[in-house]
Amino acid sequence: MSGELIPEKALPTEMLVAATMRELKDKETIFAGIGIPLIAALAAKLAHAPRLTIIVEGGAIDPQPRRLMMGVADDSCLERVVSADSMIRVFSDQQSRLIDVGVISGAQVDKYGNVNSTVIGDYKKPEVRLTGSGGACDIACSAQRLLIMMRQEKRRFPEKVDFITSPGFIDGPGAREKLKLRGKGPAAVITTMGIFRFDEKTKEMYLDSIHPGITVDMVKQNVGWNLKVADELKTTPWPTVDELRIMRALDPLGFFLQLKIGLLDFDTYIAYLDKCYDTFNKYYCERGIIP
């Protein structure tokens, strides 16, 4: 595969996926949410981690789908799956520390890595009622390494989330330990502008890397608190030619990468299937994932 960096600017969502997939290692086990997190997991498997085991919330263990899953009960979750198990089984495995990485997203994340996907505003009289936890709270509580994927907007990065759906470091050092949470807490928040990590002592989020074309001031304008910056701030590498080609093949009509999921109708869905089947199989065979 070509490791050549792309000459043109990638979409912000493509930078988000590229930065996330590089956090994933071969032979790891990952619990990935539907949507952008799953694109990152599948792209990593097809790019540099062919033995990455992907687990889907509905109970599917290591599927090799011929199209991107649109939900945890989507039929494609069971394509060439190693094990078609139950939701209870996979979450029990996670609580037993058998899963290395969890990847989630949400509507808000705060400086301690707490994620909100429940309400915007007061819980009893919210401005917006969101989809809720799904499996995200369980993943955040028990994952040995948690990655949070977010679009960078100030309204999504308040100093304190309106509601803690999925706990990060809660209110600082020692809070997870007091609640006896099994997981180690968030390792990184990866966004369309940069990569954030957490101070070992204070547990507060800081900016560790910015994407090409982004400045520190731009990031700070899209965060709701006095953001700390690493002494040796890094610049995120562009996606390689292969990384970009793979993620675009996984989402050929841009449902997630171009934020077009709301435009999905039956005819578009059939067109999507036609574009996916042969391409997915080609990548699996080239990388020796399937014979």
C-alpha atoms as a PDB file:
ATOM      1  CA  MET A   1       0.000   0.000   0.000  1.00  0.00           C
ATOM      2  CA  SER A   2       1.055   3.564  -0.616  1.00  0.00           C
ATOM      3  CA  GLY A   3       2.047   5.653   2.387  1.00  0.00           C
ATOM      4  CA  GLU A   4       2.148   8.792   0.284  1.00  0.00           C
ATOM      5  CA  LEU A   5       0.476  11.786   1.886  1.00  0.00           C
ATOM      6  CA  ILE A   6      -2.396  13.271  -0.050  1.00  0.00           C
ATOM      7  CA  PRO A   7      -1.615  16.521  -1.870  1.00  0.00           C
ATOM      8  CA  GLU A   8      -5.083  18.023  -1.393  1.00  0.00           C
ATOM      9  CA  LYS A   9      -6.841  19.011   1.802  1.00  0.00           C
ATOM     10  CA  ALA A  10      -8.992  16.270   3.331  1.00  0.00           C
ATOM     11  CA  LEU A  11     -12.453  16.998   4.660  1.00  0.00           C
ATOM     12  CA  PRO A  12     -12.547  17.756   8.418  1.00  0.00           C
ATOM     13  CA  THR A  13     -14.439  14.496   8.995  1.00  0.00           C
ATOM     14  CA  GLU A  14     -11.768  12.616   7.015  1.00  0.00           C
ATOM     15  CA  MET A  15      -9.062  14.123   9.228  1.00  0.00           C
ATOM     16  CA  LEU A  16     -11.139  12.975  12.206  1.00  0.00           C
ATOM     17  CA  VAL A  17     -11.316   9.404  10.897  1.00  0.00           C
ATOM     18  CA  ALA A  18      -7.625   9.292   9.896  1.00  0.00           C
ATOM     19  CA  ALA A  19      -6.467  10.498  13.313  1.00  0.00           C
ATOM     20  CA  THR A  20      -8.717   7.967  15.071  1.00  0.00           C
ATOM     21  CA  MET A  21      -7.774   4.944  12.968  1.00  0.00           C
ATOM     22  CA  ARG A  22      -4.089   5.549  13.733  1.00  0.00           C
ATOM     23  CA  GLU A  23      -4.863   5.127  17.441  1.00  0.00           C
ATOM     24  CA  LEU A  24      -5.926   1.525  16.766  1.00  0.00           C
ATOM     25  CA  LYS A  25      -3.385  -1.303  16.751  1.00  0.00           C
ATOM     26  CA  ASP A  26      -3.303  -4.730  15.127  1.00  0.00           C
ATOM     27  CA  LYS A  27      -4.574  -7.611  17.301  1.00  0.00           C
ATOM     28  CA  GLU A  28      -6.592  -5.271  19.528  1.00  0.00           C
ATOM     29  CA  THR A  29     -10.285  -5.750  20.272  1.00  0.00           C
ATOM     30  CA  ILE A  30     -12.480  -2.691  19.742  1.00  0.00           C
ATOM     31  CA  PHE A  31     -16.057  -1.848  20.697  1.00  0.00           C
ATOM     32  CA  ALA A  32     -17.120   0.633  18.014  1.00  0.00           C
ATOM     33  CA  GLY A  33     -20.318   2.649  17.795  1.00  0.00           C
ATOM     34  CA  ILE A  34     -22.308   2.897  14.565  1.00  0.00           C
ATOM     35  CA  GLY A  35     -21.402   5.737  12.189  1.00  0.00           C
ATOM     36  CA  ILE A  36     -18.085   7.594  12.187  1.00  0.00           C
ATOM     37  CA  PRO A  37     -16.541   5.366  14.943  1.00  0.00           C
ATOM     38  CA  LEU A  38     -17.255   2.256  12.877  1.00  0.00           C
ATOM     39  CA  ILE A  39     -15.767   3.826   9.739  1.00  0.00           C
ATOM     40  CA  ALA A  40     -12.571   4.493  11.705  1.00  0.00           C
ATOM     41  CA  ALA A  41     -12.482   0.898  13.002  1.00  0.00           C
ATOM     42  CA  LEU A  42     -13.106  -0.694   9.595  1.00  0.00           C
ATOM     43  CA  ALA A  43     -10.635   1.671   7.907  1.00  0.00           C
ATOM     44  CA  ALA A  44      -7.944   0.727  10.432  1.00  0.00           C
ATOM     45  CA  LYS A  45      -8.618  -2.974   9.814  1.00  0.00           C
ATOM     46  CA  LEU A  46      -8.290  -2.506   6.057  1.00  0.00           C
ATOM     47  CA  ALA A  47      -5.287  -0.159   6.256  1.00  0.00           C
ATOM     48  CA  HIS A  48      -2.825  -1.374   8.896  1.00  0.00           C
ATOM     49  CA  ALA A  49      -4.540  -3.651  11.430  1.00  0.00           C
ATOM     50  CA  PRO A  50      -5.996  -6.711   9.620  1.00  0.00           C
ATOM     51  CA  ARG A  51      -6.319  -8.651  12.907  1.00  0.00           C
ATOM     52  CA  LEU A  52      -8.246  -5.914  14.673  1.00  0.00           C
ATOM     53  CA  THR A  53     -11.367  -7.549  16.144  1.00  0.00           C
ATOM     54  CA  ILE A  54     -14.417  -5.289  15.838  1.00  0.00           C
ATOM     55  CA  ILE A  55     -17.357  -5.808  18.174  1.00  0.00           C
ATOM     56  CA  VAL A  56     -20.769  -4.285  17.456  1.00  0.00           C
ATOM     57  CA  GLU A  57     -23.165  -3.493  20.281  1.00  0.00           C
ATOM     58  CA  GLY A  58     -25.879  -5.899  19.115  1.00  0.00           C
ATOM     59  CA  GLY A  59     -23.596  -8.888  19.785  1.00  0.00           C
ATOM     60  CA  ALA A  60     -21.705  -9.374  16.504  1.00  0.00           C
ATOM     61  CA  ILE A  61     -18.042 -10.267  17.005  1.00  0.00           C
ATOM     62  CA  ASP A  62     -15.645  -9.542  14.132  1.00  0.00           C
ATOM     63  CA  PRO A  63     -18.008  -9.215  11.148  1.00  0.00           C
ATOM     64  CA  GLN A  64     -16.580  -8.772   7.636  1.00  0.00           C
ATOM     65  CA  PRO A  65     -19.461  -6.778   6.123  1.00  0.00           C
ATOM     66  CA  ARG A  66     -19.814  -5.926   2.444  1.00  0.00           C
ATOM     67  CA  ARG A  67     -21.325  -2.552   3.301  1.00  0.00           C
ATOM     68  CA  LEU A  68     -21.246  -0.171   6.223  1.00  0.00           C
ATOM     69  CA  MET A  69     -23.636  -1.067   9.028  1.00  0.00           C
ATOM     70  CA  MET A  70     -26.399   1.484   9.606  1.00  0.00           C
ATOM     71  CA  GLY A  71     -27.505   0.146  12.985  1.00  0.00           C
ATOM     72  CA  VAL A  72     -26.595  -2.450  15.618  1.00  0.00           C
ATOM     73  CA  ALA A  73     -29.325  -4.779  14.300  1.00  0.00           C
ATOM     74  CA  ASP A  74     -28.453  -4.273  10.616  1.00  0.00           C
ATOM     75  CA  ASP A  75     -28.152  -7.580   8.720  1.00  0.00           C
ATOM     76  CA  SER A  76     -24.647  -6.600   7.592  1.00  0.00           C
ATOM     77  CA  CYS A  77     -23.472  -6.897  11.218  1.00  0.00           C
ATOM     78  CA  LEU A  78     -23.751 -10.680  10.778  1.00  0.00           C
ATOM     79  CA  GLU A  79     -21.935 -11.002   7.440  1.00  0.00           C
ATOM     80  CA  ARG A  80     -19.053 -13.496   7.755  1.00  0.00           C
ATOM     81  CA  VAL A  81     -19.126 -12.931  11.487  1.00  0.00           C
ATOM     82  CA  VAL A  82     -16.867 -14.939  13.822  1.00  0.00           C
ATOM     83  CA  SER A  83     -19.629 -15.109  16.439  1.00  0.00           C
ATOM     84  CA  ALA A  84     -23.247 -13.942  16.367  1.00  0.00           C
ATOM     85  CA  ASP A  85     -23.744 -13.544  20.075  1.00  0.00           C
ATOM     86  CA  SER A  86     -25.903 -11.453  22.389  1.00  0.00           C
ATOM     87  CA  MET A  87     -25.678  -7.915  23.703  1.00  0.00           C
ATOM     88  CA  ILE A  88     -25.345  -9.337  27.213  1.00  0.00           C
ATOM     89  CA  ARG A  89     -22.333 -11.413  26.125  1.00  0.00           C
ATOM     90  CA  VAL A  90     -20.327  -8.593  24.546  1.00  0.00           C
ATOM     91  CA  PHE A  91     -20.982  -6.121  27.364  1.00  0.00           C
ATOM     92  CA  SER A  92     -20.074  -8.801  29.904  1.00  0.00           C
ATOM     93  CA  ASP A  93     -16.804  -9.341  28.041  1.00  0.00           C
ATOM     94  CA  GLN A  94     -16.116  -5.635  28.276  1.00  0.00           C
ATOM     95  CA  GLN A  95     -16.801  -5.546  32.019  1.00  0.00           C
ATOM     96  CA  SER A  96     -14.385  -8.483  32.313  1.00  0.00           C
ATOM     97  CA  ARG A  97     -11.665  -6.305  30.714  1.00  0.00           C
ATOM     98  CA  LEU A  98     -11.480  -8.448  27.567  1.00  0.00           C
ATOM     99  CA  ILE A  99     -11.954  -5.472  25.219  1.00  0.00           C
ATOM    100  CA  ASP A 100      -9.040  -3.122  24.624  1.00  0.00           C
ATOM    101  CA  VAL A 101     -10.633  -0.034  23.090  1.00  0.00           C
ATOM    102  CA  GLY A 102     -14.013   1.677  23.074  1.00  0.00           C
ATOM    103  CA  VAL A 103     -14.900   4.380  20.549  1.00  0.00           C
ATOM    104  CA  ILE A 104     -17.915   6.629  21.133  1.00  0.00           C
ATOM    105  CA  SER A 105     -19.302  10.004  20.125  1.00  0.00           C
ATOM    106  CA  GLY A 106     -21.936  12.386  21.471  1.00  0.00           C
ATOM    107  CA  ALA A 107     -23.462  15.859  21.425  1.00  0.00           C
ATOM    108  CA  GLN A 108     -21.204  17.410  24.095  1.00  0.00           C
ATOM    109  CA  VAL A 109     -17.903  16.660  25.800  1.00  0.00           C
ATOM    110  CA  ASP A 110     -16.410  18.690  28.664  1.00  0.00           C
ATOM    111  CA  LYS A 111     -12.902  19.322  29.978  1.00  0.00           C
ATOM    112  CA  TYR A 112     -12.914  16.087  32.002  1.00  0.00           C
ATOM    113  CA  GLY A 113     -14.016  13.948  29.053  1.00  0.00           C
ATOM    114  CA  ASN A 114     -17.629  13.465  30.186  1.00  0.00           C
ATOM    115  CA  VAL A 115     -19.922  12.885  27.195  1.00  0.00           C
ATOM    116  CA  ASN A 116     -23.554  13.974  26.878  1.00  0.00           C
ATOM    117  CA  SER A 117     -25.916  12.296  24.439  1.00  0.00           C
ATOM    118  CA  THR A 118     -29.105  12.679  26.525  1.00  0.00           C
ATOM    119  CA  VAL A 119     -30.364  16.298  26.681  1.00  0.00           C
ATOM    120  CA  ILE A 120     -29.349  19.857  25.842  1.00  0.00           C
ATOM    121  CA  GLY A 121     -30.462  22.173  28.662  1.00  0.00           C
ATOM    122  CA  ASP A 122     -32.238  21.186  31.865  1.00  0.00           C
ATOM    123  CA  TYR A 123     -33.015  17.469  32.099  1.00  0.00           C
ATOM    124  CA  LYS A 124     -36.659  17.980  33.101  1.00  0.00           C
ATOM    125  CA  LYS A 125     -37.303  20.770  30.575  1.00  0.00           C
ATOM    126  CA  PRO A 126     -34.662  20.253  27.874  1.00  0.00           C
ATOM    127  CA  GLU A 127     -34.151  22.412  24.824  1.00  0.00           C
ATOM    128  CA  VAL A 128     -33.434  19.225  22.885  1.00  0.00           C
ATOM    129  CA  ARG A 129     -34.025  15.599  23.868  1.00  0.00           C
ATOM    130  CA  LEU A 130     -31.292  13.428  22.330  1.00  0.00           C
ATOM    131  CA  THR A 131     -31.055   9.710  21.593  1.00  0.00           C
ATOM    132  CA  GLY A 132     -29.618   8.724  24.963  1.00  0.00           C
ATOM    133  CA  SER A 133     -26.849   6.353  25.973  1.00  0.00           C
ATOM    134  CA  GLY A 134     -27.324   3.187  23.997  1.00  0.00           C
ATOM    135  CA  GLY A 135     -24.203   1.271  24.983  1.00  0.00           C
ATOM    136  CA  ALA A 136     -22.022   4.379  25.314  1.00  0.00           C
ATOM    137  CA  CYS A 137     -22.223   4.628  29.108  1.00  0.00           C
ATOM    138  CA  ASP A 138     -21.199   0.980  29.508  1.00  0.00           C
ATOM    139  CA  ILE A 139     -18.321   1.466  27.083  1.00  0.00           C
ATOM    140  CA  ALA A 140     -17.123   4.618  28.875  1.00  0.00           C
ATOM    141  CA  CYS A 141     -17.319   2.892  32.270  1.00  0.00           C
ATOM    142  CA  SER A 142     -15.472  -0.282  31.324  1.00  0.00           C
ATOM    143  CA  ALA A 143     -13.249   0.262  28.261  1.00  0.00           C
ATOM    144  CA  GLN A 144      -9.552  -0.078  29.003  1.00  0.00           C
ATOM    145  CA  ARG A 145      -8.876   2.742  26.524  1.00  0.00           C
ATOM    146  CA  LEU A 146     -11.629   5.139  25.484  1.00  0.00           C
ATOM    147  CA  LEU A 147     -11.519   7.270  22.333  1.00  0.00           C
ATOM    148  CA  ILE A 148     -14.111  10.015  21.862  1.00  0.00           C
ATOM    149  CA  MET A 149     -14.816  11.332  18.346  1.00  0.00           C
ATOM    150  CA  MET A 150     -16.411  14.788  18.031  1.00  0.00           C
ATOM    151  CA  ARG A 151     -17.046  17.574  15.547  1.00  0.00           C
ATOM    152  CA  GLN A 152     -15.304  20.650  16.949  1.00  0.00           C
ATOM    153  CA  GLU A 153     -17.857  23.357  17.777  1.00  0.00           C
ATOM    154  CA  LYS A 154     -17.991  25.578  20.868  1.00  0.00           C
ATOM    155  CA  ARG A 155     -21.520  24.423  21.732  1.00  0.00           C
ATOM    156  CA  ARG A 156     -20.239  20.845  21.783  1.00  0.00           C
ATOM    157  CA  PHE A 157     -17.324  21.675  24.126  1.00  0.00           C
ATOM    158  CA  PRO A 158     -18.803  23.332  27.256  1.00  0.00           C
ATOM    159  CA  GLU A 159     -16.790  23.500  30.457  1.00  0.00           C
ATOM    160  CA  LYS A 160     -19.405  21.207  31.993  1.00  0.00           C
ATOM    161  CA  VAL A 161     -21.817  19.042  30.003  1.00  0.00           C
ATOM    162  CA  ASP A 162     -25.546  19.525  30.541  1.00  0.00           C
ATOM    163  CA  PHE A 163     -25.883  15.842  31.468  1.00  0.00           C
ATOM    164  CA  ILE A 164     -23.285  13.108  31.996  1.00  0.00           C
ATOM    165  CA  THR A 165     -24.428  10.224  29.834  1.00  0.00           C
ATOM    166  CA  SER A 166     -21.007   8.566  29.598  1.00  0.00           C
ATOM    167  CA  PRO A 167     -18.502   9.338  32.358  1.00  0.00           C
ATOM    168  CA  GLY A 168     -15.008  10.536  31.647  1.00  0.00           C
ATOM    169  CA  PHE A 169     -12.997  11.664  34.672  1.00  0.00           C
ATOM    170  CA  ILE A 170     -16.234  13.184  36.073  1.00  0.00           C
ATOM    171  CA  ASP A 171     -14.966  16.080  38.237  1.00  0.00           C
ATOM    172  CA  GLY A 172     -11.261  15.315  38.371  1.00  0.00           C
ATOM    173  CA  PRO A 173      -8.698  13.041  40.038  1.00  0.00           C
ATOM    174  CA  GLY A 174     -10.015  10.067  41.981  1.00  0.00           C
ATOM    175  CA  ALA A 175     -13.638  10.388  40.845  1.00  0.00           C
ATOM    176  CA  ARG A 176     -13.684   7.215  38.739  1.00  0.00           C
ATOM    177  CA  GLU A 177     -12.001   5.272  41.526  1.00  0.00           C
ATOM    178  CA  LYS A 178     -14.631   6.406  44.048  1.00  0.00           C
ATOM    179  CA  LEU A 179     -17.344   4.998  41.785  1.00  0.00           C
ATOM    180  CA  LYS A 180     -15.311   1.809  41.228  1.00  0.00           C
ATOM    181  CA  LEU A 181     -15.498   2.112  37.444  1.00  0.00           C
ATOM    182  CA  ARG A 182     -13.569  -0.684  35.765  1.00  0.00           C
ATOM    183  CA  GLY A 183     -12.236   1.258  32.783  1.00  0.00           C
ATOM    184  CA  LYS A 184      -9.286   3.638  32.746  1.00  0.00           C
ATOM    185  CA  GLY A 185     -11.197   6.609  31.354  1.00  0.00           C
ATOM    186  CA  PRO A 186     -10.746   8.562  28.129  1.00  0.00           C
ATOM    187  CA  ALA A 187      -7.355   8.415  26.441  1.00  0.00           C
ATOM    188  CA  ALA A 188      -8.101  10.972  23.736  1.00  0.00           C
ATOM    189  CA  VAL A 189     -10.768  13.222  22.281  1.00  0.00           C
ATOM    190  CA  ILE A 190     -10.288  13.371  18.529  1.00  0.00           C
ATOM    191  CA  THR A 191     -12.036  16.134  16.608  1.00  0.00           C
ATOM    192  CA  THR A 192     -12.259  17.817  13.226  1.00  0.00           C
ATOM    193  CA  MET A 193      -9.611  20.306  14.432  1.00  0.00           C
ATOM    194  CA  GLY A 194      -7.166  18.314  16.538  1.00  0.00           C
ATOM    195  CA  ILE A 195      -6.359  15.661  19.114  1.00  0.00           C
ATOM    196  CA  PHE A 196      -6.847  16.261  22.837  1.00  0.00           C
ATOM    197  CA  ARG A 197      -5.393  14.181  25.645  1.00  0.00           C
ATOM    198  CA  PHE A 198      -5.671  14.290  29.448  1.00  0.00           C
ATOM    199  CA  ASP A 199      -3.221  15.487  32.076  1.00  0.00           C
ATOM    200  CA  GLU A 200      -2.249  12.557  34.301  1.00  0.00           C
ATOM    201  CA  LYS A 201      -2.494  14.611  37.510  1.00  0.00           C
ATOM    202  CA  THR A 202      -5.436  16.980  36.950  1.00  0.00           C
ATOM    203  CA  LYS A 203      -7.359  14.737  34.483  1.00  0.00           C
ATOM    204  CA  GLU A 204      -8.145  17.892  32.496  1.00  0.00           C
ATOM    205  CA  MET A 205      -8.192  17.856  28.704  1.00  0.00           C
ATOM    206  CA  TYR A 206      -5.387  19.627  26.829  1.00  0.00           C
ATOM    207  CA  LEU A 207      -4.614  20.174  23.144  1.00  0.00           C
ATOM    208  CA  ASP A 208      -1.897  17.761  22.005  1.00  0.00           C
ATOM    209  CA  SER A 209      -2.052  18.033  18.193  1.00  0.00           C
ATOM    210  CA  ILE A 210      -3.683  20.332  15.641  1.00  0.00           C
ATOM    211  CA  HIS A 211      -4.715  19.341  12.130  1.00  0.00           C
ATOM    212  CA  PRO A 212      -3.086  21.046   9.127  1.00  0.00           C
ATOM    213  CA  GLY A 213      -4.488  24.518   8.462  1.00  0.00           C
ATOM    214  CA  ILE A 214      -5.824  24.872  12.019  1.00  0.00           C
ATOM    215  CA  THR A 215      -4.409  27.316  14.574  1.00  0.00           C
ATOM    216  CA  VAL A 216      -4.457  27.203  18.357  1.00  0.00           C
ATOM    217  CA  ASP A 217      -6.672  30.307  18.397  1.00  0.00           C
ATOM    218  CA  MET A 218      -9.202  28.562  16.133  1.00  0.00           C
ATOM    219  CA  VAL A 219      -9.369  25.637  18.543  1.00  0.00           C
ATOM    220  CA  LYS A 220      -9.661  27.874  21.612  1.00  0.00           C
ATOM    221  CA  GLN A 221     -12.531  29.765  19.983  1.00  0.00           C
ATOM    222  CA  ASN A 222     -14.373  26.452  19.757  1.00  0.00           C
ATOM    223  CA  VAL A 223     -13.897  25.391  23.386  1.00  0.00           C
ATOM    224  CA  GLY A 224     -15.890  26.715  26.338  1.00  0.00           C
ATOM    225  CA  TRP A 225     -13.086  26.942  28.910  1.00  0.00           C
ATOM    226  CA  ASN A 226      -9.483  28.136  29.229  1.00  0.00           C
ATOM    227  CA  LEU A 227      -7.931  25.292  27.249  1.00  0.00           C
ATOM    228  CA  LYS A 228      -4.394  24.206  28.074  1.00  0.00           C
ATOM    229  CA  VAL A 229      -1.967  23.438  25.237  1.00  0.00           C
ATOM    230  CA  ALA A 230       0.904  20.935  25.205  1.00  0.00           C
ATOM    231  CA  ASP A 231       4.388  22.417  25.565  1.00  0.00           C
ATOM    232  CA  GLU A 232       5.403  20.574  22.398  1.00  0.00           C
ATOM    233  CA  LEU A 233       2.285  20.898  20.266  1.00  0.00           C
ATOM    234  CA  LYS A 234       2.202  18.448  17.377  1.00  0.00           C
ATOM    235  CA  THR A 235       0.706  18.732  13.891  1.00  0.00           C
ATOM    236  CA  THR A 236      -1.494  15.828  12.809  1.00  0.00           C
ATOM    237  CA  PRO A 237      -0.238  14.211   9.574  1.00  0.00           C
ATOM    238  CA  TRP A 238      -2.489  14.332   6.522  1.00  0.00           C
ATOM    239  CA  PRO A 239      -4.216  11.062   5.650  1.00  0.00           C
ATOM    240  CA  THR A 240      -2.219   8.913   3.259  1.00  0.00           C
ATOM    241  CA  VAL A 241      -3.518   8.116  -0.223  1.00  0.00           C
ATOM    242  CA  ASP A 242      -4.515   4.632   0.960  1.00  0.00           C
ATOM    243  CA  GLU A 243      -6.211   5.816   4.150  1.00  0.00           C
ATOM    244  CA  LEU A 244      -8.306   8.315   2.219  1.00  0.00           C
ATOM    245  CA  ARG A 245      -9.168   5.812  -0.506  1.00  0.00           C
ATOM    246  CA  ILE A 246     -10.302   3.232   2.049  1.00  0.00           C
ATOM    247  CA  MET A 247     -12.500   5.529   4.131  1.00  0.00           C
ATOM    248  CA  ARG A 248     -14.162   6.917   0.994  1.00  0.00           C
ATOM    249  CA  ALA A 249     -14.786   3.368  -0.246  1.00  0.00           C
ATOM    250  CA  LEU A 250     -16.462   2.563   3.076  1.00  0.00           C
ATOM    251  CA  ASP A 251     -18.777   5.580   2.739  1.00  0.00           C
ATOM    252  CA  PRO A 252     -18.999   6.143  -1.042  1.00  0.00           C
ATOM    253  CA  LEU A 253     -22.063   8.388  -0.937  1.00  0.00           C
ATOM    254  CA  GLY A 254     -20.828  10.448   2.006  1.00  0.00           C
ATOM    255  CA  PHE A 255     -23.564   9.565   4.502  1.00  0.00           C
ATOM    256  CA  PHE A 256     -21.156  10.163   7.385  1.00  0.00           C
ATOM    257  CA  LEU A 257     -18.015  11.692   5.890  1.00  0.00           C
ATOM    258  CA  GLN A 258     -20.038  14.378   4.107  1.00  0.00           C
ATOM    259  CA  LEU A 259     -22.806  14.490   6.737  1.00  0.00           C
ATOM    260  CA  LYS A 260     -25.510  13.338   4.296  1.00  0.00           C
ATOM    261  CA  ILE A 261     -27.129  10.696   6.497  1.00  0.00           C
ATOM    262  CA  GLY A 262     -30.354  12.727   6.651  1.00  0.00           C
ATOM    263  CA  LEU A 263     -30.687  12.435   2.866  1.00  0.00           C
ATOM    264  CA  LEU A 264     -30.911   8.645   2.867  1.00  0.00           C
ATOM    265  CA  ASP A 265     -33.915   7.255   1.008  1.00  0.00           C
ATOM    266  CA  PHE A 266     -34.635   3.848  -0.536  1.00  0.00           C
ATOM    267  CA  ASP A 267     -33.226   4.580  -4.004  1.00  0.00           C
ATOM    268  CA  THR A 268     -30.087   6.121  -2.504  1.00  0.00           C
ATOM    269  CA  TYR A 269     -29.688   3.097  -0.256  1.00  0.00           C
ATOM    270  CA  ILE A 270     -29.852   0.688  -3.221  1.00  0.00           C
ATOM    271  CA  ALA A 271     -27.291   2.817  -5.078  1.00  0.00           C
ATOM    272  CA  TYR A 272     -25.074   2.606  -1.999  1.00  0.00           C
ATOM    273  CA  LEU A 273     -25.298  -1.198  -1.953  1.00  0.00           C
ATOM    274  CA  ASP A 274     -24.288  -1.370  -5.614  1.00  0.00           C
ATOM    275  CA  LYS A 275     -21.201   0.726  -4.907  1.00  0.00           C
ATOM    276  CA  CYS A 276     -20.078  -1.258  -1.872  1.00  0.00           C
ATOM    277  CA  TYR A 277     -20.207  -5.021  -2.376  1.00  0.00           C
ATOM    278  CA  ASP A 278     -17.385  -5.549  -4.872  1.00  0.00           C
ATOM    279  CA  THR A 279     -15.183  -2.855  -3.327  1.00  0.00           C
ATOM    280  CA  PHE A 280     -15.394  -4.259   0.199  1.00  0.00           C
ATOM    281  CA  ASN A 281     -14.629  -7.795  -1.001  1.00  0.00           C
ATOM    282  CA  LYS A 282     -11.649  -6.537  -2.972  1.00  0.00           C
ATOM    283  CA  TYR A 283     -10.104  -4.906   0.098  1.00  0.00           C
ATOM    284  CA  TYR A 284     -10.718  -7.962   2.309  1.00  0.00           C
ATOM    285  CA  CYS A 285      -9.066 -10.270  -0.236  1.00  0.00           C
ATOM    286  CA  GLU A 286      -6.114  -7.961  -0.910  1.00  0.00           C
ATOM    287  CA  ARG A 287      -5.300  -7.869   2.792  1.00  0.00           C
ATOM    288  CA  GLY A 288      -5.797 -11.593   3.377  1.00  0.00           C
ATOM    289  CA  ILE A 289      -8.709 -11.029   5.787  1.00  0.00           C
ATOM    290  CA  ILE A 290     -10.849 -13.435   3.741  1.00  0.00           C
ATOM    291  CA  PRO A 291      -9.606 -15.991   1.168  1.00  0.00           C
END
